[in-house]
């Protein structure tokens, strides 16, 4: 078991009672990493948010993708595969809640052992089943068919 922590900091800037206040805030993580965060501009209009900051919805989508990536790499390495690169452009559908996240990984393998499409699909299933975050949410997470690997 492990504990994971973050610090989220916000201070009022604007007329709070009239809902004319800035939603920008900061996320701080271990090791000194600091991330500007704010409400999504699709939810809160500017000037009360920052479009150049990470919003919780996109952070959630990125966290699911990142967890899938790390678990995929773990299983690929255990299977004797060499992954040269893995690029994903995930999307999350917000409909009152984040109903679905679609992962679209593009993976490049190298080395003598090249996996078949079936092996890559099985790796994605194992990655999904092993991802702590995907197992913690009711959001549907799926890998877009037809993506997955190239030699």
C-alpha atoms as a PDB file:
ATOM      1  CA  UNK A   1       0.000   0.000   0.000  1.00  0.00           C
ATOM      2  CA  UNK A   2       1.209   3.533  -0.695  1.00  0.00           C
ATOM      3  CA  UNK A   3      -0.041   7.048   0.003  1.00  0.00           C
ATOM      4  CA  UNK A   4      -0.136   9.727  -2.695  1.00  0.00           C
ATOM      5  CA  UNK A   5      -0.427  13.437  -1.912  1.00  0.00           C
ATOM      6  CA  UNK A   6      -0.749  16.769  -3.619  1.00  0.00           C
ATOM      7  CA  UNK A   7      -1.303  20.335  -2.491  1.00  0.00           C
ATOM      8  CA  UNK A   8      -3.972  22.450  -4.172  1.00  0.00           C
ATOM      9  CA  UNK A   9      -3.796  26.204  -3.481  1.00  0.00           C
ATOM     10  CA  UNK A  10      -6.244  28.970  -4.399  1.00  0.00           C
ATOM     11  CA  UNK A  11      -6.735  32.548  -3.183  1.00  0.00           C
ATOM     12  CA  UNK A  12      -9.649  34.813  -3.901  1.00  0.00           C
ATOM     13  CA  UNK A  13      -9.174  37.362  -6.654  1.00  0.00           C
ATOM     14  CA  UNK A  14     -12.391  39.167  -7.552  1.00  0.00           C
ATOM     15  CA  UNK A  15     -15.955  39.486  -6.320  1.00  0.00           C
ATOM     16  CA  UNK A  16     -16.713  36.136  -4.765  1.00  0.00           C
ATOM     17  CA  UNK A  17     -20.377  36.753  -3.910  1.00  0.00           C
ATOM     18  CA  UNK A  18     -21.113  37.760  -7.514  1.00  0.00           C
ATOM     19  CA  UNK A  19     -19.229  34.738  -8.889  1.00  0.00           C
ATOM     20  CA  UNK A  20     -16.809  37.092 -10.616  1.00  0.00           C
ATOM     21  CA  UNK A  21     -13.626  35.612  -9.233  1.00  0.00           C
ATOM     22  CA  UNK A  22     -10.625  33.904 -10.736  1.00  0.00           C
ATOM     23  CA  UNK A  23     -10.678  30.083 -10.732  1.00  0.00           C
ATOM     24  CA  UNK A  24      -6.936  29.789 -11.388  1.00  0.00           C
ATOM     25  CA  UNK A  25      -5.044  27.843  -8.739  1.00  0.00           C
ATOM     26  CA  UNK A  26      -1.900  25.717  -8.386  1.00  0.00           C
ATOM     27  CA  UNK A  27      -1.205  22.046  -7.971  1.00  0.00           C
ATOM     28  CA  UNK A  28       1.998  21.138  -6.149  1.00  0.00           C
ATOM     29  CA  UNK A  29       3.466  17.666  -6.155  1.00  0.00           C
ATOM     30  CA  UNK A  30       6.394  15.934  -4.495  1.00  0.00           C
ATOM     31  CA  UNK A  31       9.756  16.765  -5.927  1.00  0.00           C
ATOM     32  CA  UNK A  32       8.785  20.413  -6.343  1.00  0.00           C
ATOM     33  CA  UNK A  33       6.646  20.100  -9.471  1.00  0.00           C
ATOM     34  CA  UNK A  34       4.092  22.896  -9.704  1.00  0.00           C
ATOM     35  CA  UNK A  35       1.274  22.984 -12.267  1.00  0.00           C
ATOM     36  CA  UNK A  36      -1.005  25.920 -13.046  1.00  0.00           C
ATOM     37  CA  UNK A  37      -4.602  24.730 -12.875  1.00  0.00           C
ATOM     38  CA  UNK A  38      -7.995  26.326 -13.442  1.00  0.00           C
ATOM     39  CA  UNK A  39     -11.562  25.565 -14.374  1.00  0.00           C
ATOM     40  CA  UNK A  40     -12.099  24.475 -17.956  1.00  0.00           C
ATOM     41  CA  UNK A  41     -12.869  27.409 -20.272  1.00  0.00           C
ATOM     42  CA  UNK A  42     -15.733  25.212 -21.533  1.00  0.00           C
ATOM     43  CA  UNK A  43     -17.251  25.350 -18.035  1.00  0.00           C
ATOM     44  CA  UNK A  44     -16.248  28.787 -16.700  1.00  0.00           C
ATOM     45  CA  UNK A  45     -15.878  31.702 -19.134  1.00  0.00           C
ATOM     46  CA  UNK A  46     -12.830  33.907 -19.337  1.00  0.00           C
ATOM     47  CA  UNK A  47     -11.758  36.133 -17.683  1.00  0.00           C
ATOM     48  CA  UNK A  48     -12.635  33.985 -14.648  1.00  0.00           C
ATOM     49  CA  UNK A  49     -10.393  31.106 -15.671  1.00  0.00           C
ATOM     50  CA  UNK A  50      -7.125  30.539 -17.536  1.00  0.00           C
ATOM     51  CA  UNK A  51      -7.130  28.684 -20.837  1.00  0.00           C
ATOM     52  CA  UNK A  52      -3.381  28.045 -20.492  1.00  0.00           C
ATOM     53  CA  UNK A  53      -3.800  26.044 -17.275  1.00  0.00           C
ATOM     54  CA  UNK A  54      -4.648  22.378 -16.751  1.00  0.00           C
ATOM     55  CA  UNK A  55      -8.271  21.806 -15.829  1.00  0.00           C
ATOM     56  CA  UNK A  56      -9.455  18.874 -13.687  1.00  0.00           C
ATOM     57  CA  UNK A  57     -11.270  17.222 -16.588  1.00  0.00           C
ATOM     58  CA  UNK A  58      -8.226  17.097 -18.850  1.00  0.00           C
ATOM     59  CA  UNK A  59      -6.043  16.057 -15.905  1.00  0.00           C
ATOM     60  CA  UNK A  60      -8.396  13.132 -15.302  1.00  0.00           C
ATOM     61  CA  UNK A  61      -8.157  12.095 -18.969  1.00  0.00           C
ATOM     62  CA  UNK A  62      -4.363  12.437 -18.900  1.00  0.00           C
ATOM     63  CA  UNK A  63      -4.132  10.438 -15.656  1.00  0.00           C
ATOM     64  CA  UNK A  64      -6.104   7.548 -17.173  1.00  0.00           C
ATOM     65  CA  UNK A  65      -3.919   7.620 -20.292  1.00  0.00           C
ATOM     66  CA  UNK A  66      -0.713   7.823 -18.270  1.00  0.00           C
ATOM     67  CA  UNK A  67      -1.731   4.932 -16.023  1.00  0.00           C
ATOM     68  CA  UNK A  68      -2.600   2.813 -19.072  1.00  0.00           C
ATOM     69  CA  UNK A  69       0.749   3.729 -20.658  1.00  0.00           C
ATOM     70  CA  UNK A  70       2.794   2.783 -17.590  1.00  0.00           C
ATOM     71  CA  UNK A  71       0.945  -0.521 -17.164  1.00  0.00           C
ATOM     72  CA  UNK A  72       1.240  -1.302 -20.892  1.00  0.00           C
ATOM     73  CA  UNK A  73       5.009  -0.677 -20.786  1.00  0.00           C
ATOM     74  CA  UNK A  74       5.353  -2.900 -17.716  1.00  0.00           C
ATOM     75  CA  UNK A  75       3.603  -5.819 -19.427  1.00  0.00           C
ATOM     76  CA  UNK A  76       5.391  -5.271 -22.754  1.00  0.00           C
ATOM     77  CA  UNK A  77       8.780  -5.389 -21.001  1.00  0.00           C
ATOM     78  CA  UNK A  78       7.749  -8.530 -19.100  1.00  0.00           C
ATOM     79  CA  UNK A  79       6.800 -10.117 -22.431  1.00  0.00           C
ATOM     80  CA  UNK A  80      10.243  -9.387 -23.896  1.00  0.00           C
ATOM     81  CA  UNK A  81       9.062  -6.610 -26.206  1.00  0.00           C
ATOM     82  CA  UNK A  82      10.906  -3.335 -26.783  1.00  0.00           C
ATOM     83  CA  UNK A  83       8.728  -0.226 -27.038  1.00  0.00           C
ATOM     84  CA  UNK A  84      10.492   2.683 -28.720  1.00  0.00           C
ATOM     85  CA  UNK A  85       7.667   5.192 -28.398  1.00  0.00           C
ATOM     86  CA  UNK A  86       4.092   5.479 -27.237  1.00  0.00           C
ATOM     87  CA  UNK A  87       2.019   8.544 -28.109  1.00  0.00           C
ATOM     88  CA  UNK A  88      -1.601   8.897 -27.077  1.00  0.00           C
ATOM     89  CA  UNK A  89      -4.178  11.591 -27.795  1.00  0.00           C
ATOM     90  CA  UNK A  90      -6.923  10.596 -25.360  1.00  0.00           C
ATOM     91  CA  UNK A  91     -10.324  12.256 -25.275  1.00  0.00           C
ATOM     92  CA  UNK A  92     -12.876  12.353 -22.492  1.00  0.00           C
ATOM     93  CA  UNK A  93     -16.600  12.869 -23.022  1.00  0.00           C
ATOM     94  CA  UNK A  94     -18.124  15.142 -20.366  1.00  0.00           C
ATOM     95  CA  UNK A  95     -21.889  14.750 -20.121  1.00  0.00           C
ATOM     96  CA  UNK A  96     -22.671  15.721 -16.532  1.00  0.00           C
ATOM     97  CA  UNK A  97     -19.811  13.376 -15.630  1.00  0.00           C
ATOM     98  CA  UNK A  98     -16.870  12.043 -17.593  1.00  0.00           C
ATOM     99  CA  UNK A  99     -18.802   9.219 -19.190  1.00  0.00           C
ATOM    100  CA  UNK A 100     -16.055   7.811 -21.406  1.00  0.00           C
ATOM    101  CA  UNK A 101     -12.358   8.177 -22.142  1.00  0.00           C
ATOM    102  CA  UNK A 102     -11.037   6.944 -25.472  1.00  0.00           C
ATOM    103  CA  UNK A 103      -7.337   6.140 -25.705  1.00  0.00           C
ATOM    104  CA  UNK A 104      -5.685   6.280 -29.123  1.00  0.00           C
ATOM    105  CA  UNK A 105      -2.130   5.065 -28.558  1.00  0.00           C
ATOM    106  CA  UNK A 106       0.330   4.899 -31.397  1.00  0.00           C
ATOM    107  CA  UNK A 107       3.089   2.536 -30.403  1.00  0.00           C
ATOM    108  CA  UNK A 108       6.378   1.784 -32.115  1.00  0.00           C
ATOM    109  CA  UNK A 109       8.167  -1.451 -31.245  1.00  0.00           C
ATOM    110  CA  UNK A 110      11.768  -2.269 -32.115  1.00  0.00           C
ATOM    111  CA  UNK A 111      13.952  -5.323 -31.919  1.00  0.00           C
ATOM    112  CA  UNK A 112      13.677  -8.796 -33.352  1.00  0.00           C
ATOM    113  CA  UNK A 113      10.423  -9.647 -31.587  1.00  0.00           C
ATOM    114  CA  UNK A 114       7.535  -7.779 -33.188  1.00  0.00           C
ATOM    115  CA  UNK A 115       4.121  -8.384 -31.628  1.00  0.00           C
ATOM    116  CA  UNK A 116       1.085  -9.315 -33.678  1.00  0.00           C
ATOM    117  CA  UNK A 117      -2.047  -7.157 -33.610  1.00  0.00           C
ATOM    118  CA  UNK A 118      -3.629  -9.771 -31.330  1.00  0.00           C
ATOM    119  CA  UNK A 119      -0.708  -9.568 -28.884  1.00  0.00           C
ATOM    120  CA  UNK A 120      -0.971  -5.777 -28.785  1.00  0.00           C
ATOM    121  CA  UNK A 121      -4.717  -5.991 -28.187  1.00  0.00           C
ATOM    122  CA  UNK A 122      -4.110  -8.443 -25.330  1.00  0.00           C
ATOM    123  CA  UNK A 123      -1.489  -6.083 -23.871  1.00  0.00           C
ATOM    124  CA  UNK A 124      -4.083  -3.299 -23.873  1.00  0.00           C
ATOM    125  CA  UNK A 125      -6.565  -5.537 -22.047  1.00  0.00           C
ATOM    126  CA  UNK A 126      -3.938  -6.397 -19.436  1.00  0.00           C
ATOM    127  CA  UNK A 127      -2.951  -2.726 -19.145  1.00  0.00           C
ATOM    128  CA  UNK A 128      -6.561  -1.724 -18.565  1.00  0.00           C
ATOM    129  CA  UNK A 129      -7.091  -4.466 -15.983  1.00  0.00           C
ATOM    130  CA  UNK A 130      -3.880  -3.477 -14.181  1.00  0.00           C
ATOM    131  CA  UNK A 131      -4.380   0.295 -14.220  1.00  0.00           C
ATOM    132  CA  UNK A 132      -5.131   1.464 -10.669  1.00  0.00           C
ATOM    133  CA  UNK A 133      -6.945   4.575 -11.870  1.00  0.00           C
ATOM    134  CA  UNK A 134      -9.145   2.810 -14.427  1.00  0.00           C
ATOM    135  CA  UNK A 135     -10.115   0.285 -11.733  1.00  0.00           C
ATOM    136  CA  UNK A 136     -11.035   3.180  -9.404  1.00  0.00           C
ATOM    137  CA  UNK A 137     -13.599   4.960 -11.576  1.00  0.00           C
ATOM    138  CA  UNK A 138     -16.929   4.223 -13.218  1.00  0.00           C
ATOM    139  CA  UNK A 139     -15.859   5.992 -16.425  1.00  0.00           C
ATOM    140  CA  UNK A 140     -15.684   3.674 -19.431  1.00  0.00           C
ATOM    141  CA  UNK A 141     -12.125   3.513 -20.763  1.00  0.00           C
ATOM    142  CA  UNK A 142     -11.555   2.002 -24.178  1.00  0.00           C
ATOM    143  CA  UNK A 143      -8.765   1.760 -26.713  1.00  0.00           C
ATOM    144  CA  UNK A 144      -9.800   2.961 -30.152  1.00  0.00           C
ATOM    145  CA  UNK A 145      -9.859   0.000 -32.577  1.00  0.00           C
ATOM    146  CA  UNK A 146      -7.366   0.051 -35.398  1.00  0.00           C
ATOM    147  CA  UNK A 147      -4.686   1.896 -33.438  1.00  0.00           C
ATOM    148  CA  UNK A 148      -2.018   0.251 -31.474  1.00  0.00           C
ATOM    149  CA  UNK A 149       1.257  -0.458 -33.178  1.00  0.00           C
ATOM    150  CA  UNK A 150       3.599  -0.036 -36.043  1.00  0.00           C
ATOM    151  CA  UNK A 151       6.909  -1.679 -36.786  1.00  0.00           C
END
